[in-house]
Each structure stands twice: as structure tokens, then as C-alpha cells.
Amino acid sequence: MRNSAAVKSTAPTPFIAQVAGTASAMMRGFAIRPYLPPVRQRERELAILSGERLPAARLFRERGIGKQPTVVIGGFVPDATEVIEFQRPLLKQSGAIYYLNYPREGFNLLLFQAQLADLVESLNLRGEKPVLLGVSFGAGLVSGFLREVLPRDGLSIRGVLFVSPVFCAEDLVRPERERTGGVRMLESNLRRIFSVRGGSPEDVERQIERARRCFQGLFGMGAEHRHLEPRHLAIRDKIMAVIQKTPARGGFERTLALQEFQHPSPSTPLFSGPVLTLLAEGEDSLLVPTSPTLALCRDPLRFHQVFPGGRCLTVTSPQSDDPVPHASLIFHHHVYNPVIAAWYKRFSAPTLLSR
């Protein structure tokens, strides 16, 4: 988890960076293609029962060379197809990568679970058990899937990788009476959005616009004072486009889904197979001091009650002036990747998984 490679260096000229970024985006476009799973029964049944057109996630696939597929579920931003840009090569060594990008125009939690279940069943029918990789908000979606869908539908997965998990809204927003350490920018924005539930479209639009500026600021702070390679620049442009072009309804419904998350209960194991949870050393700058997920992950006894086959590690930077913030897979891939690669190698040595 230590790497002495320098983070800063001389930036390329704008023209060269633009050309290289465009080429990088084109190459990704050839590799990552839209995908429809053979099984879509749950998605279709839900559409019939609802009687309306529900906003569906967009599914993509990237081929790999192994037999161990990974399903990626990202945070609020960036999309799943962007969040693991610097982990793609190592994940493809194990197998195909499947990406679930959230719909722009809305979000329906039941439909998302149905789409994920259809994908997992499609892989199971081919004799494959995927790893579910959930980042931040996506980890909360995976947690709900493990609790509500996996055992009910008899589906099989190989393992779970959580990166900076957010298992419940209380990880980001404290009760009104709790103000220790000041109110964070993201916490303030979420409070405002939650408060306009059931409000006018104008109120929703106004609060979502605030949230747009918040996410742009958070990503901007992550990119500040560091060398951005062409791949960084291509991803940056896509992230900013997603933030700017997602309609108010899409951002609002995704935020309301966060309120539906239930924190895992230590009284019942959520998943007994291999689980790797990666916390960033700077989680406390985004998650609130009373975060139930931080408390769970920092208590080995409670963590193993929820995930008996799990490990929780904190990812740190070798540079004291560049600590790893929440879910920084893009800017701190050099410290995340060795840990992720080592965990995936354990799948080729099953006897080590119980250790």
C-alpha cells in the first residue's frame, strides 16, 4: 500500500492533452460496449406491474481474459464506466467487467435491484459467479441487494468489494442536534434536498443545482495541484458532463434512494463469502463523525458479525501532503490497485480465502 512514485509533474500542453484525451475516450468507447443480459424477466415484470416506463440503468460490458467477472456499481458520480478507469486492466485479468450506469432521468430502487438480479442470474446460468464492486453510494445498493434479493432469488456471487462504503444516509447526514466538527458541504446539500421531498419542482431544481456545484467542487478539490494525464482529462470531462446534464429529477430520485438504505445489522450476517472493504484514510473529511458505517468497519468484532469472511483495510498514501480521500480510485489508483490485485489473486487459491 506504499508507493514512492511522484504525484506531481509537468503538465502537457492544452492541445496535446486535448488530442490525447480524445484518443483515450475513443479507445474506451471501442472496449466498453452496451450489453443486454439474456435474462430480463424481473425487469420486464416490474415494468408491467408499475404500468409506466421506469428509468432503467444502462448496462455495459468489457471483455476480459479470465473466468471471474466483476460487476461495477459506482457512487453518485462518476458513472461506473469512469470510476474504475485505472483499475480496468487488473480487473480484466480476472474476467469480463460489467458496468451499471445509473439512468439520468430518474432512479427506481426496485428496478435497479431487478436489473442487477437479472444480470447475476445470466452469469450464473453460464457457470459464473461475479464479484460485486460497490463504490460509496453503490456499496449501499450492493448491501441492500445482499440483504433483500440474493437469498430470496437463490443467486450466487463469488465475493464483494466495497470501496468507501456508504451503507445508509446517516453516514452523510447527522441528526439535527448533532453538529460536532461543523457541517460539511455535502451534508448541508443533502439536508436541503431531503427537506424538499414532496415540495415544488422549483424547490427541487434549486436544491439540485446547489448539489451540482457541490459535486463539481469536490471533484475539483481532488484534481487540484496534481498532474492530470490524458486519461484523467478524459474522465474529468465525462464527470463534469454527467454532473451538469443530469436533470433535477434524476439527481433528486437518486438522493431519495439513499434515504431508503438500511444499515447492516450485526445480529445477522449479510454475506458470508469473501468481502474486502477499503476505507480511505481521509473518510472522516466526508463521512460524518457519527457514521454507522465507519463505526462498523472500525470494530472488528461487529464487522465480522456482518461479514464473517470479510477484511477491512485502510488505504493510505505514502505522501503526507496527499492523503487518500473518500473513494479516490481515480487519483490514488497507485495505492488502491496493489491491494485490489492481491485480493483478486486469492480467488485462484481458494484455501486462502478463509484465512
Protein backbone atom coordinates (compact mmCIF):
# COMPACT_ATOMS: atom_id res chain seq x y z
CA MET A 1 0.00 0.00 0.00
CA ARG A 2 3.09 2.23 -0.15
CA ASN A 3 4.36 3.71 -3.36
CA SER A 4 7.06 6.32 -3.73
CA ALA A 5 6.03 7.45 -7.22
CA ALA A 6 5.62 11.22 -7.51
CA VAL A 7 2.09 12.55 -7.95
CA LYS A 8 3.02 15.92 -9.45
CA SER A 9 4.90 16.59 -12.67
CA THR A 10 4.94 18.98 -15.61
CA ALA A 11 1.52 19.25 -17.27
CA PRO A 12 1.16 18.61 -21.01
CA THR A 13 0.25 21.48 -23.33
CA PRO A 14 -3.52 22.04 -23.71
CA PHE A 15 -3.51 20.94 -27.37
CA ILE A 16 -1.61 17.71 -26.71
CA ALA A 17 -3.77 17.00 -23.67
CA GLN A 18 -6.96 17.51 -25.71
CA VAL A 19 -5.81 15.23 -28.53
CA ALA A 20 -4.62 12.53 -26.11
CA GLY A 21 -7.81 12.79 -24.08
CA THR A 22 -9.95 12.39 -27.21
CA ALA A 23 -7.94 9.34 -28.30
CA SER A 24 -8.28 7.84 -24.82
CA ALA A 25 -12.04 8.33 -24.88
CA MET A 26 -12.28 6.69 -28.32
CA MET A 27 -10.32 3.64 -27.19
CA ARG A 28 -12.58 3.26 -24.16
CA GLY A 29 -15.60 3.53 -26.43
CA PHE A 30 -14.37 0.60 -28.51
CA ALA A 31 -13.67 -1.55 -25.43
CA ILE A 32 -16.75 -0.80 -23.32
CA ARG A 33 -19.92 -1.70 -25.21
CA PRO A 34 -23.65 -1.69 -24.38
CA TYR A 35 -24.88 -5.07 -23.20
CA LEU A 36 -28.26 -6.76 -22.74
CA PRO A 37 -28.28 -9.84 -20.48
CA PRO A 38 -30.16 -12.93 -21.73
CA VAL A 39 -32.30 -12.88 -18.58
CA ARG A 40 -34.53 -9.82 -18.20
CA GLN A 41 -37.56 -11.37 -16.55
CA ARG A 42 -37.53 -9.29 -13.35
CA GLU A 43 -37.07 -6.02 -15.22
CA ARG A 44 -39.99 -6.80 -17.55
CA GLU A 45 -42.29 -7.97 -14.75
CA LEU A 46 -41.65 -4.81 -12.77
CA ALA A 47 -42.39 -2.67 -15.82
CA ILE A 48 -45.72 -4.49 -16.30
CA LEU A 49 -46.67 -4.18 -12.62
CA SER A 50 -45.82 -0.49 -12.46
CA GLY A 51 -47.79 0.33 -15.58
CA GLU A 52 -45.31 3.03 -16.53
CA ARG A 53 -41.91 3.47 -18.10
CA LEU A 54 -39.39 3.31 -15.28
CA PRO A 55 -35.88 4.79 -15.57
CA ALA A 56 -33.55 1.87 -16.21
CA ALA A 57 -29.82 1.67 -15.64
CA ARG A 58 -27.63 1.41 -18.74
CA LEU A 59 -25.61 -1.80 -18.79
CA PHE A 60 -22.20 -2.12 -20.44
CA ARG A 61 -19.65 -4.92 -20.79
CA GLU A 62 -15.90 -5.02 -21.32
CA ARG A 63 -14.35 -8.35 -22.22
CA GLY A 64 -11.63 -9.87 -20.06
CA ILE A 65 -9.31 -12.85 -20.31
CA GLY A 66 -10.36 -14.81 -17.21
CA LYS A 67 -13.47 -16.54 -15.88
CA GLN A 68 -14.08 -14.28 -12.86
CA PRO A 69 -16.40 -11.41 -13.90
CA THR A 70 -16.83 -8.20 -11.94
CA VAL A 71 -19.99 -6.07 -11.76
CA VAL A 72 -19.25 -2.41 -11.02
CA ILE A 73 -21.77 -0.17 -9.23
CA GLY A 74 -20.50 3.38 -8.81
CA GLY A 75 -21.22 6.26 -6.48
CA PHE A 76 -23.34 9.32 -7.25
CA VAL A 77 -20.62 10.38 -9.69
CA PRO A 78 -18.75 9.39 -11.76
CA ASP A 79 -20.51 6.67 -13.76
CA ALA A 80 -19.44 3.06 -13.21
CA THR A 81 -17.73 3.17 -16.61
CA GLU A 82 -15.49 6.00 -15.38
CA VAL A 83 -14.91 5.30 -11.70
CA ILE A 84 -12.59 2.32 -12.25
CA GLU A 85 -10.73 3.69 -15.29
CA PHE A 86 -7.40 2.97 -13.59
CA GLN A 87 -8.46 -0.46 -12.27
CA ARG A 88 -9.75 -1.81 -15.60
CA PRO A 89 -6.51 -3.55 -16.67
CA LEU A 90 -6.15 -5.53 -13.45
CA LEU A 91 -9.84 -6.47 -13.29
CA LYS A 92 -9.79 -7.66 -16.92
CA GLN A 93 -7.04 -10.09 -15.96
CA SER A 94 -9.69 -11.93 -13.94
CA GLY A 95 -12.59 -11.72 -16.38
CA ALA A 96 -15.18 -9.52 -18.06
CA ILE A 97 -16.29 -6.29 -16.41
CA TYR A 98 -19.97 -5.33 -16.33
CA TYR A 99 -20.92 -1.73 -15.61
CA LEU A 100 -24.28 -0.44 -14.37
CA ASN A 101 -24.60 3.28 -15.14
CA TYR A 102 -27.49 4.96 -13.37
CA PRO A 103 -30.22 6.48 -15.53
CA ARG A 104 -30.03 10.25 -15.99
CA GLU A 105 -33.76 10.99 -15.95
CA GLY A 106 -34.66 9.31 -12.65
CA PHE A 107 -33.95 6.40 -10.35
CA ASN A 108 -36.04 3.48 -9.13
CA LEU A 109 -34.50 1.29 -6.44
CA LEU A 110 -36.65 -1.77 -7.18
CA LEU A 111 -35.87 -1.60 -10.89
CA PHE A 112 -32.15 -1.28 -10.20
CA GLN A 113 -32.28 -4.39 -7.98
CA ALA A 114 -34.23 -6.23 -10.69
CA GLN A 115 -31.66 -5.34 -13.35
CA LEU A 116 -28.76 -6.41 -11.13
CA ALA A 117 -30.53 -9.68 -10.28
CA ASP A 118 -31.19 -10.41 -13.96
CA LEU A 119 -27.51 -9.82 -14.74
CA VAL A 120 -26.30 -12.06 -11.89
CA GLU A 121 -28.70 -14.84 -12.95
CA SER A 122 -27.48 -14.55 -16.55
CA LEU A 123 -23.91 -15.05 -15.35
CA ASN A 124 -24.91 -17.90 -13.03
CA LEU A 125 -26.53 -19.71 -15.97
CA ARG A 126 -23.14 -19.58 -17.69
CA GLY A 127 -21.49 -21.11 -14.63
CA GLU A 128 -20.01 -17.78 -13.47
CA LYS A 129 -20.27 -16.14 -10.07
CA PRO A 130 -19.44 -12.43 -10.23
CA VAL A 131 -17.69 -10.17 -7.77
CA LEU A 132 -19.86 -7.18 -6.91
CA LEU A 133 -17.79 -3.99 -6.66
CA GLY A 134 -19.68 -1.16 -4.95
CA VAL A 135 -18.22 2.33 -4.59
CA SER A 136 -19.62 4.78 -1.99
CA PHE A 137 -23.38 5.07 -2.74
CA GLY A 138 -23.04 1.95 -4.89
CA ALA A 139 -21.88 0.00 -1.84
CA GLY A 140 -25.20 0.83 -0.19
CA LEU A 141 -27.02 -0.53 -3.23
CA VAL A 142 -24.97 -3.73 -3.05
CA SER A 143 -25.69 -4.05 0.68
CA GLY A 144 -29.43 -3.85 0.03
CA PHE A 145 -29.12 -6.37 -2.80
CA LEU A 146 -27.31 -8.82 -0.49
CA ARG A 147 -29.99 -8.46 2.15
CA GLU A 148 -33.18 -8.33 0.07
CA VAL A 149 -32.55 -10.06 -3.27
CA LEU A 150 -29.65 -12.52 -3.20
CA PRO A 151 -31.11 -15.04 -0.69
CA ARG A 152 -34.68 -14.61 -1.93
CA ASP A 153 -33.83 -15.37 -5.57
CA GLY A 154 -31.21 -18.05 -4.89
CA LEU A 155 -28.49 -16.21 -6.80
CA SER A 156 -24.76 -16.80 -6.37
CA ILE A 157 -21.87 -14.37 -6.23
CA ARG A 158 -18.17 -15.03 -5.63
CA GLY A 159 -17.36 -12.08 -3.41
CA VAL A 160 -17.89 -8.41 -2.66
CA LEU A 161 -15.53 -5.45 -2.85
CA PHE A 162 -16.62 -2.27 -1.08
CA VAL A 163 -14.72 0.99 -1.65
CA SER A 164 -15.51 3.77 0.85
CA PRO A 165 -18.96 2.28 1.57
CA VAL A 166 -21.98 4.42 2.38
CA PHE A 167 -24.47 1.95 3.81
CA CYS A 168 -27.06 4.49 4.99
CA ALA A 169 -27.97 8.17 4.82
CA GLU A 170 -26.78 8.62 8.40
CA ASP A 171 -23.22 8.17 7.13
CA LEU A 172 -23.52 11.54 5.41
CA VAL A 173 -26.19 13.42 7.36
CA ARG A 174 -26.35 13.61 11.16
CA PRO A 175 -29.48 14.18 13.24
CA GLU A 176 -30.31 17.88 13.60
CA ARG A 177 -28.99 18.05 17.15
CA GLU A 178 -25.57 16.68 16.15
CA ARG A 179 -23.19 19.38 14.93
CA THR A 180 -19.82 18.24 16.31
CA GLY A 181 -17.00 19.20 13.98
CA GLY A 182 -19.09 21.54 11.87
CA VAL A 183 -21.48 20.85 8.99
CA ARG A 184 -19.83 19.54 5.83
CA MET A 185 -20.64 20.91 2.37
CA LEU A 186 -22.14 17.61 1.16
CA GLU A 187 -24.08 17.13 4.39
CA SER A 188 -25.60 20.58 4.06
CA ASN A 189 -26.68 19.92 0.48
CA LEU A 190 -28.24 16.57 1.35
CA ARG A 191 -30.17 18.11 4.24
CA ARG A 192 -31.63 20.67 1.84
CA ILE A 193 -32.59 18.02 -0.71
CA PHE A 194 -34.22 15.79 1.90
CA SER A 195 -36.18 18.80 3.18
CA VAL A 196 -37.89 19.42 -0.19
CA ARG A 197 -39.24 15.88 -0.51
CA GLY A 198 -42.81 16.44 -1.63
CA GLY A 199 -42.05 20.06 -2.45
CA SER A 200 -42.47 22.01 -5.66
CA PRO A 201 -40.42 21.31 -8.80
CA GLU A 202 -38.85 24.75 -8.38
CA ASP A 203 -37.63 23.88 -4.87
CA VAL A 204 -36.20 20.59 -6.13
CA GLU A 205 -34.43 22.26 -9.06
CA ARG A 206 -32.92 24.89 -6.79
CA GLN A 207 -31.51 22.35 -4.32
CA ILE A 208 -30.22 20.03 -7.04
CA GLU A 209 -28.42 22.96 -8.64
CA ARG A 210 -26.69 23.57 -5.30
CA ALA A 211 -25.72 19.87 -5.23
CA ARG A 212 -24.27 20.13 -8.75
CA ARG A 213 -21.94 22.88 -7.62
CA CYS A 214 -21.05 20.82 -4.55
CA PHE A 215 -20.01 17.75 -6.59
CA GLN A 216 -18.11 19.91 -9.07
CA GLY A 217 -16.28 21.46 -6.14
CA LEU A 218 -15.49 18.11 -4.54
CA PHE A 219 -14.02 16.73 -7.76
CA GLY A 220 -12.19 19.98 -8.39
CA MET A 221 -10.53 19.77 -4.99
CA GLY A 222 -9.40 16.23 -5.77
CA ALA A 223 -7.79 17.39 -9.03
CA GLU A 224 -6.21 20.50 -7.55
CA HIS A 225 -2.42 20.84 -7.66
CA ARG A 226 -1.83 17.50 -9.34
CA HIS A 227 -0.70 16.43 -12.77
CA LEU A 228 -3.63 15.27 -14.89
CA GLU A 229 -2.71 12.69 -17.51
CA PRO A 230 -4.76 12.44 -20.73
CA ARG A 231 -6.85 9.66 -19.17
CA HIS A 232 -7.58 11.91 -16.18
CA LEU A 233 -8.62 14.71 -18.51
CA ALA A 234 -10.96 12.45 -20.50
CA ILE A 235 -12.58 11.18 -17.30
CA ARG A 236 -12.81 14.70 -15.88
CA ASP A 237 -14.73 15.90 -18.94
CA LYS A 238 -17.16 12.99 -18.72
CA ILE A 239 -17.70 13.52 -14.98
CA MET A 240 -18.41 17.21 -15.39
CA ALA A 241 -20.81 16.44 -18.24
CA VAL A 242 -22.70 13.92 -16.10
CA ILE A 243 -22.98 16.40 -13.23
CA GLN A 244 -24.16 19.21 -15.47
CA LYS A 245 -26.53 17.27 -17.72
CA THR A 246 -28.30 15.04 -15.19
CA PRO A 247 -31.82 16.51 -14.85
CA ALA A 248 -33.07 17.60 -11.44
CA ARG A 249 -35.43 14.65 -11.23
CA GLY A 250 -32.61 12.17 -11.81
CA GLY A 251 -30.42 13.63 -9.08
CA PHE A 252 -33.39 14.02 -6.72
CA GLU A 253 -34.65 10.43 -7.04
CA ARG A 254 -31.14 9.04 -6.63
CA THR A 255 -30.74 11.06 -3.43
CA LEU A 256 -34.10 9.85 -2.12
CA ALA A 257 -32.98 6.25 -2.72
CA LEU A 258 -30.16 6.94 -0.27
CA GLN A 259 -32.80 7.61 2.40
CA GLU A 260 -34.17 4.11 1.82
CA PHE A 261 -30.87 2.39 2.65
CA GLN A 262 -30.80 0.25 5.80
CA HIS A 263 -27.58 -0.15 7.71
CA PRO A 264 -26.48 -3.82 8.11
CA SER A 265 -27.48 -5.36 11.40
CA PRO A 266 -24.74 -7.16 13.39
CA SER A 267 -27.35 -9.68 14.55
CA THR A 268 -27.47 -11.38 11.12
CA PRO A 269 -24.59 -11.97 8.66
CA LEU A 270 -25.21 -10.06 5.44
CA PHE A 271 -22.86 -12.17 3.32
CA SER A 272 -20.61 -15.00 4.49
CA GLY A 273 -18.34 -15.18 1.47
CA PRO A 274 -15.18 -13.17 0.74
CA VAL A 275 -15.58 -9.45 1.35
CA LEU A 276 -12.93 -6.74 1.10
CA THR A 277 -13.79 -3.30 2.44
CA LEU A 278 -11.40 -0.48 1.64
CA LEU A 279 -11.62 2.68 3.71
CA ALA A 280 -9.68 5.77 2.70
CA GLU A 281 -7.52 7.40 5.33
CA GLY A 282 -9.50 10.60 4.79
CA GLU A 283 -13.02 9.19 5.20
CA ASP A 284 -13.66 11.48 8.17
CA SER A 285 -13.48 14.53 5.91
CA LEU A 286 -16.65 13.40 4.09
CA LEU A 287 -18.46 10.92 6.32
CA VAL A 288 -19.87 12.42 9.50
CA PRO A 289 -18.39 11.68 12.97
CA THR A 290 -21.45 9.61 13.90
CA SER A 291 -21.30 7.49 10.71
CA PRO A 292 -22.68 3.99 11.48
CA THR A 293 -20.60 2.51 8.66
CA LEU A 294 -17.32 3.92 9.98
CA ALA A 295 -18.21 2.61 13.44
CA LEU A 296 -18.95 -0.83 11.98
CA CYS A 297 -15.78 -1.01 9.88
CA ARG A 298 -13.58 0.13 12.75
CA ASP A 299 -14.94 -2.50 15.13
CA PRO A 300 -13.50 -5.89 14.03
CA LEU A 301 -15.96 -7.90 16.15
CA ARG A 302 -19.08 -6.21 14.74
CA PHE A 303 -17.66 -6.17 11.21
CA HIS A 304 -17.12 -9.94 11.25
CA GLN A 305 -20.62 -10.48 12.61
CA VAL A 306 -21.95 -8.84 9.43
CA PHE A 307 -19.28 -10.19 7.07
CA PRO A 308 -17.81 -13.40 8.57
CA GLY A 309 -15.48 -13.85 5.60
CA GLY A 310 -14.56 -10.19 5.37
CA ARG A 311 -11.49 -7.99 5.75
CA CYS A 312 -11.41 -4.24 6.28
CA LEU A 313 -8.30 -2.26 5.32
CA THR A 314 -7.46 1.43 5.36
CA VAL A 315 -5.77 2.72 2.22
CA THR A 316 -3.07 5.30 2.94
CA SER A 317 -0.82 7.47 0.82
CA PRO A 318 2.98 7.37 1.04
CA GLN A 319 2.93 11.17 0.87
CA SER A 320 1.82 13.03 3.98
CA ASP A 321 0.69 16.04 1.91
CA ASP A 322 -1.54 13.90 -0.34
CA PRO A 323 -3.83 11.82 1.92
CA VAL A 324 -6.32 9.46 0.26
CA PRO A 325 -9.84 10.94 0.36
CA HIS A 326 -13.18 9.15 0.07
CA ALA A 327 -13.37 6.72 -2.90
CA SER A 328 -10.34 8.23 -4.66
CA LEU A 329 -9.89 5.38 -7.14
CA ILE A 330 -9.03 7.81 -9.94
CA PHE A 331 -6.40 9.98 -8.28
CA HIS A 332 -4.94 7.39 -5.88
CA HIS A 333 -5.05 4.27 -8.03
CA HIS A 334 -1.37 3.69 -7.26
CA VAL A 335 -2.24 2.81 -3.66
CA TYR A 336 -5.60 1.10 -4.30
CA ASN A 337 -4.52 -1.19 -7.13
CA PRO A 338 -1.95 -3.35 -5.33
CA VAL A 339 -4.47 -4.13 -2.58
CA ILE A 340 -7.24 -4.95 -5.05
CA ALA A 341 -4.93 -7.08 -7.19
CA ALA A 342 -3.77 -9.08 -4.17
CA TRP A 343 -7.35 -9.75 -3.11
CA TYR A 344 -8.36 -10.95 -6.60
CA LYS A 345 -5.41 -13.33 -6.67
CA ARG A 346 -6.90 -15.06 -3.65
CA PHE A 347 -9.70 -16.35 -5.88
CA SER A 348 -7.12 -18.56 -7.62
CA ALA A 349 -6.14 -20.02 -4.24
CA PRO A 350 -9.48 -20.85 -2.54
CA THR A 351 -7.82 -22.35 0.55
CA LEU A 352 -6.52 -18.89 1.43
CA LEU A 353 -9.94 -17.26 1.45
CA SER A 354 -10.78 -18.44 4.94
CA ARG A 355 -7.60 -17.05 6.45
